[in-house]
Amino acid sequence: QVQLVESGGGLVQPGGSLRLSCVSSESIFSLTYMSWYRQAPGMQRELVATITSTGAVLYGHSVKGRFTISGDNAKKTLYLQMNSLKPEDTAVYYCNKLESWGQGTQVVVSA
């Protein structure tokens, strides 16, 4: 099973930016895709963004145009650049590959 470790969360004001990182124990683009999900308190986990091994990307409707998913295969690291953050982006953000999940990193958007 792939080991995934997220980092980069924190407290940020509305309109601010954060970059999340997810370090993988295996190549991030081997054979399949990787994704970022998030889960707010009392809510179901939702897909934020996905990137395939060919570089194709897919974004959730609520983050399209503000978030960017990317990866560095040499560093085995997946990134999520989050701009123009809103209070409703507050959640625990998780990295996912197949059946593997990281422990999550908390993002709080508040004035």
PDB file of N, CA and C in Angstrom:
ATOM      1  N   GLN A   1       0.842  -1.189   0.000  1.00  0.00           N
ATOM      2  CA  GLN A   1       0.000   0.000   0.000  1.00  0.00           C
ATOM      3  C   GLN A   1       0.876   1.236   0.000  1.00  0.00           C
ATOM      4  N   VAL A   2       0.453   2.228  -0.757  1.00  0.00           N
ATOM      5  CA  VAL A   2       1.221   3.467  -0.870  1.00  0.00           C
ATOM      6  C   VAL A   2       1.104   4.263   0.422  1.00  0.00           C
ATOM      7  N   GLN A   3       2.203   4.827   0.884  1.00  0.00           N
ATOM      8  CA  GLN A   3       2.199   5.719   2.037  1.00  0.00           C
ATOM      9  C   GLN A   3       2.147   7.162   1.539  1.00  0.00           C
ATOM     10  N   LEU A   4       1.234   7.937   2.090  1.00  0.00           N
ATOM     11  CA  LEU A   4       1.034   9.319   1.666  1.00  0.00           C
ATOM     12  C   LEU A   4       1.083  10.221   2.895  1.00  0.00           C
ATOM     13  N   VAL A   5       1.833  11.320   2.810  1.00  0.00           N
ATOM     14  CA  VAL A   5       1.952  12.255   3.925  1.00  0.00           C
ATOM     15  C   VAL A   5       1.721  13.674   3.420  1.00  0.00           C
ATOM     16  N   GLU A   6       0.640  14.274   3.915  1.00  0.00           N
ATOM     17  CA  GLU A   6       0.301  15.635   3.516  1.00  0.00           C
ATOM     18  C   GLU A   6       0.929  16.658   4.463  1.00  0.00           C
ATOM     19  N   SER A   7       1.121  17.867   3.953  1.00  0.00           N
ATOM     20  CA  SER A   7       1.581  18.990   4.762  1.00  0.00           C
ATOM     21  C   SER A   7       1.173  20.284   4.074  1.00  0.00           C
ATOM     22  N   GLY A   8       1.338  21.393   4.782  1.00  0.00           N
ATOM     23  CA  GLY A   8       1.093  22.691   4.175  1.00  0.00           C
ATOM     24  C   GLY A   8      -0.186  23.382   4.611  1.00  0.00           C
ATOM     25  N   GLY A   9      -1.007  22.695   5.398  1.00  0.00           N
ATOM     26  CA  GLY A   9      -2.222  23.335   5.867  1.00  0.00           C
ATOM     27  C   GLY A   9      -1.935  24.403   6.902  1.00  0.00           C
ATOM     28  N   GLY A  10      -2.983  25.134   7.274  1.00  0.00           N
ATOM     29  CA  GLY A  10      -2.819  26.172   8.283  1.00  0.00           C
ATOM     30  C   GLY A  10      -3.988  27.124   8.276  1.00  0.00           C
ATOM     31  N   LEU A  11      -3.807  28.233   8.966  1.00  0.00           N
ATOM     32  CA  LEU A  11      -4.822  29.281   9.058  1.00  0.00           C
ATOM     33  C   LEU A  11      -4.472  30.384   8.070  1.00  0.00           C
ATOM     34  N   VAL A  12      -5.444  30.780   7.276  1.00  0.00           N
ATOM     35  CA  VAL A  12      -5.221  31.821   6.278  1.00  0.00           C
ATOM     36  C   VAL A  12      -6.460  32.702   6.200  1.00  0.00           C
ATOM     37  N   GLN A  13      -6.258  33.966   5.882  1.00  0.00           N
ATOM     38  CA  GLN A  13      -7.383  34.888   5.749  1.00  0.00           C
ATOM     39  C   GLN A  13      -8.097  34.688   4.414  1.00  0.00           C
ATOM     40  N   PRO A  14      -9.363  35.027   4.343  1.00  0.00           N
ATOM     41  CA  PRO A  14     -10.073  34.954   3.058  1.00  0.00           C
ATOM     42  C   PRO A  14      -9.324  35.745   1.989  1.00  0.00           C
ATOM     43  N   GLY A  15      -9.237  35.165   0.798  1.00  0.00           N
ATOM     44  CA  GLY A  15      -8.494  35.781  -0.282  1.00  0.00           C
ATOM     45  C   GLY A  15      -7.036  35.361  -0.335  1.00  0.00           C
ATOM     46  N   GLY A  16      -6.576  34.675   0.689  1.00  0.00           N
ATOM     47  CA  GLY A  16      -5.180  34.246   0.752  1.00  0.00           C
ATOM     48  C   GLY A  16      -4.915  32.978  -0.020  1.00  0.00           C
ATOM     49  N   SER A  17      -3.668  32.508   0.087  1.00  0.00           N
ATOM     50  CA  SER A  17      -3.234  31.323  -0.651  1.00  0.00           C
ATOM     51  C   SER A  17      -2.495  30.357   0.263  1.00  0.00           C
ATOM     52  N   LEU A  18      -2.552  29.103  -0.102  1.00  0.00           N
ATOM     53  CA  LEU A  18      -1.772  28.056   0.545  1.00  0.00           C
ATOM     54  C   LEU A  18      -1.374  27.045  -0.516  1.00  0.00           C
ATOM     55  N   ARG A  19      -0.250  26.359  -0.282  1.00  0.00           N
ATOM     56  CA  ARG A  19       0.113  25.241  -1.139  1.00  0.00           C
ATOM     57  C   ARG A  19       0.265  23.992  -0.288  1.00  0.00           C
ATOM     58  N   LEU A  20      -0.534  23.002  -0.606  1.00  0.00           N
ATOM     59  CA  LEU A  20      -0.462  21.721   0.081  1.00  0.00           C
ATOM     60  C   LEU A  20       0.486  20.791  -0.670  1.00  0.00           C
ATOM     61  N   SER A  21       1.170  19.938   0.076  1.00  0.00           N
ATOM     62  CA  SER A  21       2.056  18.943  -0.508  1.00  0.00           C
ATOM     63  C   SER A  21       1.668  17.560  -0.007  1.00  0.00           C
ATOM     64  N   CYS A  22       1.898  16.569  -0.833  1.00  0.00           N
ATOM     65  CA  CYS A  22       1.649  15.170  -0.461  1.00  0.00           C
ATOM     66  C   CYS A  22       2.829  14.357  -0.963  1.00  0.00           C
ATOM     67  N   VAL A  23       3.627  13.876  -0.037  1.00  0.00           N
ATOM     68  CA  VAL A  23       4.775  13.057  -0.397  1.00  0.00           C
ATOM     69  C   VAL A  23       4.347  11.592  -0.423  1.00  0.00           C
ATOM     70  N   SER A  24       4.662  10.936  -1.523  1.00  0.00           N
ATOM     71  CA  SER A  24       4.273   9.541  -1.719  1.00  0.00           C
ATOM     72  C   SER A  24       5.479   8.618  -1.570  1.00  0.00           C
ATOM     73  N   SER A  25       5.220   7.397  -1.132  1.00  0.00           N
ATOM     74  CA  SER A  25       6.298   6.406  -1.027  1.00  0.00           C
ATOM     75  C   SER A  25       6.594   5.769  -2.372  1.00  0.00           C
ATOM     76  N   GLU A  26       5.716   6.017  -3.358  1.00  0.00           N
ATOM     77  CA  GLU A  26       5.913   5.471  -4.694  1.00  0.00           C
ATOM     78  C   GLU A  26       5.787   6.581  -5.731  1.00  0.00           C
ATOM     79  N   SER A  27       6.167   6.275  -6.918  1.00  0.00           N
ATOM     80  CA  SER A  27       6.021   7.211  -8.024  1.00  0.00           C
ATOM     81  C   SER A  27       4.571   7.675  -8.109  1.00  0.00           C
ATOM     82  N   ILE A  28       4.375   8.972  -8.222  1.00  0.00           N
ATOM     83  CA  ILE A  28       3.008   9.492  -8.166  1.00  0.00           C
ATOM     84  C   ILE A  28       2.257   9.305  -9.478  1.00  0.00           C
ATOM     85  N   PHE A  29       2.963   9.095 -10.550  1.00  0.00           N
ATOM     86  CA  PHE A  29       2.284   8.982 -11.832  1.00  0.00           C
ATOM     87  C   PHE A  29       2.358   7.573 -12.425  1.00  0.00           C
ATOM     88  N   SER A  30       2.613   6.589 -11.611  1.00  0.00           N
ATOM     89  CA  SER A  30       2.728   5.238 -12.127  1.00  0.00           C
ATOM     90  C   SER A  30       1.356   4.616 -12.332  1.00  0.00           C
ATOM     91  N   LEU A  31       0.970   4.461 -13.558  1.00  0.00           N
ATOM     92  CA  LEU A  31      -0.196   3.676 -13.970  1.00  0.00           C
ATOM     93  C   LEU A  31      -1.562   4.255 -13.640  1.00  0.00           C
ATOM     94  N   THR A  32      -1.634   5.203 -12.737  1.00  0.00           N
ATOM     95  CA  THR A  32      -2.960   5.629 -12.327  1.00  0.00           C
ATOM     96  C   THR A  32      -2.964   7.117 -12.013  1.00  0.00           C
ATOM     97  N   TYR A  33      -4.039   7.584 -11.432  1.00  0.00           N
ATOM     98  CA  TYR A  33      -4.166   8.995 -11.133  1.00  0.00           C
ATOM     99  C   TYR A  33      -4.054   9.222  -9.632  1.00  0.00           C
ATOM    100  N   MET A  34      -3.900  10.478  -9.243  1.00  0.00           N
ATOM    101  CA  MET A  34      -3.898  10.866  -7.837  1.00  0.00           C
ATOM    102  C   MET A  34      -4.855  12.032  -7.647  1.00  0.00           C
ATOM    103  N   SER A  35      -5.346  12.132  -6.428  1.00  0.00           N
ATOM    104  CA  SER A  35      -6.384  13.123  -6.173  1.00  0.00           C
ATOM    105  C   SER A  35      -6.204  13.801  -4.818  1.00  0.00           C
ATOM    106  N   TRP A  36      -6.803  14.962  -4.714  1.00  0.00           N
ATOM    107  CA  TRP A  36      -7.006  15.646  -3.440  1.00  0.00           C
ATOM    108  C   TRP A  36      -8.504  15.613  -3.138  1.00  0.00           C
ATOM    109  N   TYR A  37      -8.818  15.284  -1.907  1.00  0.00           N
ATOM    110  CA  TYR A  37     -10.182  15.347  -1.402  1.00  0.00           C
ATOM    111  C   TYR A  37     -10.182  16.269  -0.187  1.00  0.00           C
ATOM    112  N   ARG A  38     -11.365  16.670   0.226  1.00  0.00           N
ATOM    113  CA  ARG A  38     -11.485  17.434   1.464  1.00  0.00           C
ATOM    114  C   ARG A  38     -12.763  17.035   2.185  1.00  0.00           C
ATOM    115  N   GLN A  39     -12.734  17.243   3.498  1.00  0.00           N
ATOM    116  CA  GLN A  39     -13.900  16.933   4.308  1.00  0.00           C
ATOM    117  C   GLN A  39     -14.067  18.008   5.360  1.00  0.00           C
ATOM    118  N   ALA A  40     -15.182  18.710   5.279  1.00  0.00           N
ATOM    119  CA  ALA A  40     -15.521  19.720   6.265  1.00  0.00           C
ATOM    120  C   ALA A  40     -16.307  19.060   7.398  1.00  0.00           C
ATOM    121  N   PRO A  41     -16.335  19.669   8.585  1.00  0.00           N
ATOM    122  CA  PRO A  41     -17.078  19.089   9.718  1.00  0.00           C
ATOM    123  C   PRO A  41     -18.534  18.828   9.364  1.00  0.00           C
ATOM    124  N   GLY A  42     -18.986  17.604   9.623  1.00  0.00           N
ATOM    125  CA  GLY A  42     -20.372  17.258   9.368  1.00  0.00           C
ATOM    126  C   GLY A  42     -20.717  17.024   7.913  1.00  0.00           C
ATOM    127  N   MET A  43     -19.710  17.063   7.052  1.00  0.00           N
ATOM    128  CA  MET A  43     -19.957  16.911   5.617  1.00  0.00           C
ATOM    129  C   MET A  43     -19.291  15.642   5.101  1.00  0.00           C
ATOM    130  N   GLN A  44     -19.737  15.193   3.933  1.00  0.00           N
ATOM    131  CA  GLN A  44     -19.086  14.058   3.290  1.00  0.00           C
ATOM    132  C   GLN A  44     -17.791  14.503   2.638  1.00  0.00           C
ATOM    133  N   ARG A  45     -16.886  13.550   2.488  1.00  0.00           N
ATOM    134  CA  ARG A  45     -15.636  13.840   1.798  1.00  0.00           C
ATOM    135  C   ARG A  45     -15.956  14.109   0.330  1.00  0.00           C
ATOM    136  N   GLU A  46     -15.345  15.163  -0.221  1.00  0.00           N
ATOM    137  CA  GLU A  46     -15.614  15.525  -1.611  1.00  0.00           C
ATOM    138  C   GLU A  46     -14.321  15.639  -2.408  1.00  0.00           C
ATOM    139  N   LEU A  47     -14.436  15.351  -3.685  1.00  0.00           N
ATOM    140  CA  LEU A  47     -13.287  15.447  -4.578  1.00  0.00           C
ATOM    141  C   LEU A  47     -12.959  16.913  -4.842  1.00  0.00           C
ATOM    142  N   VAL A  48     -11.686  17.248  -4.698  1.00  0.00           N
ATOM    143  CA  VAL A  48     -11.217  18.604  -4.992  1.00  0.00           C
ATOM    144  C   VAL A  48     -10.583  18.646  -6.379  1.00  0.00           C
ATOM    145  N   ALA A  49      -9.653  17.734  -6.627  1.00  0.00           N
ATOM    146  CA  ALA A  49      -8.953  17.738  -7.905  1.00  0.00           C
ATOM    147  C   ALA A  49      -8.287  16.389  -8.138  1.00  0.00           C
ATOM    148  N   THR A  50      -8.152  16.041  -9.416  1.00  0.00           N
ATOM    149  CA  THR A  50      -7.504  14.804  -9.833  1.00  0.00           C
ATOM    150  C   THR A  50      -6.540  15.101 -10.960  1.00  0.00           C
ATOM    151  N   ILE A  51      -5.413  14.398 -10.954  1.00  0.00           N
ATOM    152  CA  ILE A  51      -4.465  14.502 -12.061  1.00  0.00           C
ATOM    153  C   ILE A  51      -4.086  13.091 -12.492  1.00  0.00           C
ATOM    154  N   THR A  52      -4.079  12.866 -13.812  1.00  0.00           N
ATOM    155  CA  THR A  52      -3.767  11.537 -14.326  1.00  0.00           C
ATOM    156  C   THR A  52      -2.286  11.432 -14.671  1.00  0.00           C
ATOM    157  N   SER A  53      -1.874  10.229 -15.017  1.00  0.00           N
ATOM    158  CA  SER A  53      -0.478   9.986 -15.386  1.00  0.00           C
ATOM    159  C   SER A  53      -0.096  10.697 -16.681  1.00  0.00           C
ATOM    160  N   THR A  54      -1.095  11.095 -17.464  1.00  0.00           N
ATOM    161  CA  THR A  54      -0.816  11.823 -18.706  1.00  0.00           C
ATOM    162  C   THR A  54      -0.911  13.330 -18.508  1.00  0.00           C
ATOM    163  N   GLY A  55      -1.217  13.754 -17.286  1.00  0.00           N
ATOM    164  CA  GLY A  55      -1.284  15.186 -17.001  1.00  0.00           C
ATOM    165  C   GLY A  55      -2.666  15.799 -17.121  1.00  0.00           C
ATOM    166  N   ALA A  56      -3.649  15.007 -17.471  1.00  0.00           N
ATOM    167  CA  ALA A  56      -5.011  15.536 -17.532  1.00  0.00           C
ATOM    168  C   ALA A  56      -5.483  15.856 -16.112  1.00  0.00           C
ATOM    169  N   VAL A  57      -6.247  16.930 -15.977  1.00  0.00           N
ATOM    170  CA  VAL A  57      -6.704  17.356 -14.650  1.00  0.00           C
ATOM    171  C   VAL A  57      -8.212  17.521 -14.636  1.00  0.00           C
ATOM    172  N   LEU A  58      -8.759  17.338 -13.457  1.00  0.00           N
ATOM    173  CA  LEU A  58     -10.194  17.495 -13.251  1.00  0.00           C
ATOM    174  C   LEU A  58     -10.372  18.202 -11.914  1.00  0.00           C
ATOM    175  N   TYR A  59     -11.270  19.193 -11.868  1.00  0.00           N
ATOM    176  CA  TYR A  59     -11.495  19.947 -10.644  1.00  0.00           C
ATOM    177  C   TYR A  59     -12.955  19.879 -10.219  1.00  0.00           C
ATOM    178  N   GLY A  60     -13.138  19.927  -8.910  1.00  0.00           N
ATOM    179  CA  GLY A  60     -14.485  20.067  -8.395  1.00  0.00           C
ATOM    180  C   GLY A  60     -15.029  21.432  -8.759  1.00  0.00           C
ATOM    181  N   HIS A  61     -16.325  21.525  -8.927  1.00  0.00           N
ATOM    182  CA  HIS A  61     -16.951  22.767  -9.390  1.00  0.00           C
ATOM    183  C   HIS A  61     -16.631  23.946  -8.480  1.00  0.00           C
ATOM    184  N   SER A  62     -16.584  23.717  -7.191  1.00  0.00           N
ATOM    185  CA  SER A  62     -16.427  24.827  -6.252  1.00  0.00           C
ATOM    186  C   SER A  62     -15.006  25.389  -6.210  1.00  0.00           C
ATOM    187  N   VAL A  63     -14.039  24.677  -6.775  1.00  0.00           N
ATOM    188  CA  VAL A  63     -12.650  25.157  -6.709  1.00  0.00           C
ATOM    189  C   VAL A  63     -12.083  25.498  -8.081  1.00  0.00           C
ATOM    190  N   LYS A  64     -12.831  25.212  -9.124  1.00  0.00           N
ATOM    191  CA  LYS A  64     -12.347  25.442 -10.482  1.00  0.00           C
ATOM    192  C   LYS A  64     -11.983  26.919 -10.665  1.00  0.00           C
ATOM    193  N   GLY A  65     -10.793  27.137 -11.224  1.00  0.00           N
ATOM    194  CA  GLY A  65     -10.332  28.500 -11.454  1.00  0.00           C
ATOM    195  C   GLY A  65      -9.564  29.092 -10.289  1.00  0.00           C
ATOM    196  N   ARG A  66      -9.599  28.436  -9.126  1.00  0.00           N
ATOM    197  CA  ARG A  66      -8.879  28.936  -7.947  1.00  0.00           C
ATOM    198  C   ARG A  66      -7.778  27.980  -7.488  1.00  0.00           C
ATOM    199  N   PHE A  67      -7.986  26.700  -7.673  1.00  0.00           N
ATOM    200  CA  PHE A  67      -7.025  25.687  -7.227  1.00  0.00           C
ATOM    201  C   PHE A  67      -6.320  25.081  -8.446  1.00  0.00           C
ATOM    202  N   THR A  68      -5.070  24.666  -8.222  1.00  0.00           N
ATOM    203  CA  THR A  68      -4.306  24.008  -9.274  1.00  0.00           C
ATOM    204  C   THR A  68      -3.612  22.789  -8.697  1.00  0.00           C
ATOM    205  N   ILE A  69      -3.835  21.631  -9.331  1.00  0.00           N
ATOM    206  CA  ILE A  69      -3.168  20.400  -8.919  1.00  0.00           C
ATOM    207  C   ILE A  69      -1.980  20.150  -9.838  1.00  0.00           C
ATOM    208  N   SER A  70      -0.883  19.699  -9.252  1.00  0.00           N
ATOM    209  CA  SER A  70       0.302  19.398 -10.045  1.00  0.00           C
ATOM    210  C   SER A  70       1.127  18.357  -9.307  1.00  0.00           C
ATOM    211  N   GLY A  71       2.139  17.841  -9.986  1.00  0.00           N
ATOM    212  CA  GLY A  71       2.972  16.835  -9.353  1.00  0.00           C
ATOM    213  C   GLY A  71       4.398  16.899  -9.849  1.00  0.00           C
ATOM    214  N   ASP A  72       5.301  16.464  -8.995  1.00  0.00           N
ATOM    215  CA  ASP A  72       6.715  16.366  -9.346  1.00  0.00           C
ATOM    216  C   ASP A  72       7.105  14.912  -9.131  1.00  0.00           C
ATOM    217  N   ASN A  73       7.218  14.171 -10.227  1.00  0.00           N
ATOM    218  CA  ASN A  73       7.462  12.740 -10.094  1.00  0.00           C
ATOM    219  C   ASN A  73       8.841  12.444  -9.515  1.00  0.00           C
ATOM    220  N   ALA A  74       9.812  13.291  -9.799  1.00  0.00           N
ATOM    221  CA  ALA A  74      11.161  13.079  -9.267  1.00  0.00           C
ATOM    222  C   ALA A  74      11.170  13.195  -7.745  1.00  0.00           C
ATOM    223  N   LYS A  75      10.324  14.067  -7.226  1.00  0.00           N
ATOM    224  CA  LYS A  75      10.224  14.257  -5.769  1.00  0.00           C
ATOM    225  C   LYS A  75       9.119  13.402  -5.166  1.00  0.00           C
ATOM    226  N   LYS A  76       8.389  12.662  -6.017  1.00  0.00           N
ATOM    227  CA  LYS A  76       7.263  11.839  -5.558  1.00  0.00           C
ATOM    228  C   LYS A  76       6.284  12.679  -4.737  1.00  0.00           C
ATOM    229  N   THR A  77       6.023  13.880  -5.200  1.00  0.00           N
ATOM    230  CA  THR A  77       5.202  14.819  -4.458  1.00  0.00           C
ATOM    231  C   THR A  77       4.067  15.364  -5.306  1.00  0.00           C
ATOM    232  N   LEU A  78       2.882  15.347  -4.743  1.00  0.00           N
ATOM    233  CA  LEU A  78       1.690  15.935  -5.346  1.00  0.00           C
ATOM    234  C   LEU A  78       1.425  17.264  -4.648  1.00  0.00           C
ATOM    235  N   TYR A  79       1.007  18.264  -5.410  1.00  0.00           N
ATOM    236  CA  TYR A  79       0.758  19.594  -4.856  1.00  0.00           C
ATOM    237  C   TYR A  79      -0.685  20.027  -5.122  1.00  0.00           C
ATOM    238  N   LEU A  80      -1.145  20.926  -4.271  1.00  0.00           N
ATOM    239  CA  LEU A  80      -2.409  21.605  -4.512  1.00  0.00           C
ATOM    240  C   LEU A  80      -2.206  23.074  -4.170  1.00  0.00           C
ATOM    241  N   GLN A  81      -2.124  23.903  -5.196  1.00  0.00           N
ATOM    242  CA  GLN A  81      -2.022  25.349  -5.003  1.00  0.00           C
ATOM    243  C   GLN A  81      -3.423  25.913  -4.866  1.00  0.00           C
ATOM    244  N   MET A  82      -3.686  26.564  -3.753  1.00  0.00           N
ATOM    245  CA  MET A  82      -5.020  27.090  -3.477  1.00  0.00           C
ATOM    246  C   MET A  82      -4.946  28.608  -3.376  1.00  0.00           C
ATOM    247  N   ASN A  83      -5.630  29.285  -4.271  1.00  0.00           N
ATOM    248  CA  ASN A  83      -5.666  30.746  -4.297  1.00  0.00           C
ATOM    249  C   ASN A  83      -7.088  31.229  -4.046  1.00  0.00           C
ATOM    250  N   SER A  84      -7.193  32.514  -3.716  1.00  0.00           N
ATOM    251  CA  SER A  84      -8.509  33.136  -3.492  1.00  0.00           C
ATOM    252  C   SER A  84      -9.349  32.297  -2.537  1.00  0.00           C
ATOM    253  N   LEU A  85      -8.746  31.916  -1.436  1.00  0.00           N
ATOM    254  CA  LEU A  85      -9.420  31.034  -0.499  1.00  0.00           C
ATOM    255  C   LEU A  85     -10.634  31.691   0.140  1.00  0.00           C
ATOM    256  N   LYS A  86     -11.646  30.869   0.381  1.00  0.00           N
ATOM    257  CA  LYS A  86     -12.902  31.321   0.971  1.00  0.00           C
ATOM    258  C   LYS A  86     -13.147  30.554   2.273  1.00  0.00           C
ATOM    259  N   PRO A  87     -13.947  31.110   3.165  1.00  0.00           N
ATOM    260  CA  PRO A  87     -14.250  30.378   4.411  1.00  0.00           C
ATOM    261  C   PRO A  87     -14.808  28.984   4.152  1.00  0.00           C
ATOM    262  N   GLU A  88     -15.550  28.822   3.076  1.00  0.00           N
ATOM    263  CA  GLU A  88     -16.121  27.511   2.765  1.00  0.00           C
ATOM    264  C   GLU A  88     -15.094  26.497   2.279  1.00  0.00           C
ATOM    265  N   ASP A  89     -13.860  26.928   2.085  1.00  0.00           N
ATOM    266  CA  ASP A  89     -12.781  25.989   1.765  1.00  0.00           C
ATOM    267  C   ASP A  89     -12.204  25.338   3.028  1.00  0.00           C
ATOM    268  N   THR A  90     -12.654  25.792   4.193  1.00  0.00           N
ATOM    269  CA  THR A  90     -12.184  25.212   5.445  1.00  0.00           C
ATOM    270  C   THR A  90     -12.538  23.730   5.514  1.00  0.00           C
ATOM    271  N   ALA A  91     -11.531  22.901   5.712  1.00  0.00           N
ATOM    272  CA  ALA A  91     -11.724  21.444   5.714  1.00  0.00           C
ATOM    273  C   ALA A  91     -10.394  20.775   6.018  1.00  0.00           C
ATOM    274  N   VAL A  92     -10.461  19.479   6.239  1.00  0.00           N
ATOM    275  CA  VAL A  92      -9.255  18.653   6.248  1.00  0.00           C
ATOM    276  C   VAL A  92      -9.056  18.156   4.824  1.00  0.00           C
ATOM    277  N   TYR A  93      -7.851  18.357   4.308  1.00  0.00           N
ATOM    278  CA  TYR A  93      -7.542  17.983   2.936  1.00  0.00           C
ATOM    279  C   TYR A  93      -6.720  16.693   2.931  1.00  0.00           C
ATOM    280  N   TYR A  94      -7.143  15.754   2.090  1.00  0.00           N
ATOM    281  CA  TYR A  94      -6.523  14.443   2.031  1.00  0.00           C
ATOM    282  C   TYR A  94      -5.979  14.166   0.627  1.00  0.00           C
ATOM    283  N   CYS A  95      -4.861  13.496   0.602  1.00  0.00           N
ATOM    284  CA  CYS A  95      -4.260  13.005  -0.621  1.00  0.00           C
ATOM    285  C   CYS A  95      -4.704  11.553  -0.808  1.00  0.00           C
ATOM    286  N   ASN A  96      -4.962  11.181  -2.050  1.00  0.00           N
ATOM    287  CA  ASN A  96      -5.456   9.827  -2.317  1.00  0.00           C
ATOM    288  C   ASN A  96      -4.832   9.230  -3.564  1.00  0.00           C
ATOM    289  N   LYS A  97      -4.478   7.935  -3.443  1.00  0.00           N
ATOM    290  CA  LYS A  97      -4.069   7.148  -4.608  1.00  0.00           C
ATOM    291  C   LYS A  97      -4.616   5.735  -4.407  1.00  0.00           C
ATOM    292  N   LEU A  98      -5.497   5.348  -5.292  1.00  0.00           N
ATOM    293  CA  LEU A  98      -6.166   4.043  -5.207  1.00  0.00           C
ATOM    294  C   LEU A  98      -6.803   3.907  -3.824  1.00  0.00           C
ATOM    295  N   GLU A  99      -6.440   2.898  -3.053  1.00  0.00           N
ATOM    296  CA  GLU A  99      -7.068   2.701  -1.759  1.00  0.00           C
ATOM    297  C   GLU A  99      -6.307   3.364  -0.622  1.00  0.00           C
ATOM    298  N   SER A 100      -5.256   4.091  -0.949  1.00  0.00           N
ATOM    299  CA  SER A 100      -4.409   4.716   0.069  1.00  0.00           C
ATOM    300  C   SER A 100      -4.799   6.159   0.320  1.00  0.00           C
ATOM    301  N   TRP A 101      -4.785   6.541   1.591  1.00  0.00           N
ATOM    302  CA  TRP A 101      -5.107   7.912   2.009  1.00  0.00           C
ATOM    303  C   TRP A 101      -4.023   8.396   2.967  1.00  0.00           C
ATOM    304  N   GLY A 102      -3.751   9.710   2.897  1.00  0.00           N
ATOM    305  CA  GLY A 102      -2.886  10.301   3.895  1.00  0.00           C
ATOM    306  C   GLY A 102      -3.677  10.593   5.160  1.00  0.00           C
ATOM    307  N   GLN A 103      -2.981  11.187   6.137  1.00  0.00           N
ATOM    308  CA  GLN A 103      -3.617  11.481   7.418  1.00  0.00           C
ATOM    309  C   GLN A 103      -4.409  12.785   7.378  1.00  0.00           C
ATOM    310  N   GLY A 104      -4.195  13.572   6.341  1.00  0.00           N
ATOM    311  CA  GLY A 104      -4.907  14.824   6.179  1.00  0.00           C
ATOM    312  C   GLY A 104      -4.149  16.009   6.745  1.00  0.00           C
ATOM    313  N   THR A 105      -4.433  17.175   6.204  1.00  0.00           N
ATOM    314  CA  THR A 105      -3.867  18.428   6.706  1.00  0.00           C
ATOM    315  C   THR A 105      -5.005  19.441   6.798  1.00  0.00           C
ATOM    316  N   GLN A 106      -5.082  20.133   7.931  1.00  0.00           N
ATOM    317  CA  GLN A 106      -6.199  21.036   8.207  1.00  0.00           C
ATOM    318  C   GLN A 106      -5.969  22.390   7.545  1.00  0.00           C
ATOM    319  N   VAL A 107      -6.989  22.867   6.868  1.00  0.00           N
ATOM    320  CA  VAL A 107      -6.984  24.214   6.299  1.00  0.00           C
ATOM    321  C   VAL A 107      -8.149  24.993   6.920  1.00  0.00           C
ATOM    322  N   VAL A 108      -7.837  26.138   7.494  1.00  0.00           N
ATOM    323  CA  VAL A 108      -8.857  27.005   8.080  1.00  0.00           C
ATOM    324  C   VAL A 108      -8.765  28.373   7.415  1.00  0.00           C
ATOM    325  N   VAL A 109      -9.866  28.803   6.817  1.00  0.00           N
ATOM    326  CA  VAL A 109      -9.918  30.106   6.169  1.00  0.00           C
ATOM    327  C   VAL A 109     -10.838  30.994   7.000  1.00  0.00           C
ATOM    328  N   SER A 110     -10.239  31.955   7.657  1.00  0.00           N
ATOM    329  CA  SER A 110     -11.005  32.785   8.573  1.00  0.00           C
ATOM    330  C   SER A 110     -10.317  34.121   8.767  1.00  0.00           C
ATOM    331  N   ALA A 111     -11.127  35.159   8.973  1.00  0.00           N
ATOM    332  CA  ALA A 111     -10.574  36.469   9.277  1.00  0.00           C
ATOM    333  C   ALA A 111     -10.242  36.570  10.761  1.00  0.00           C
TER     334      ALA A 111
END
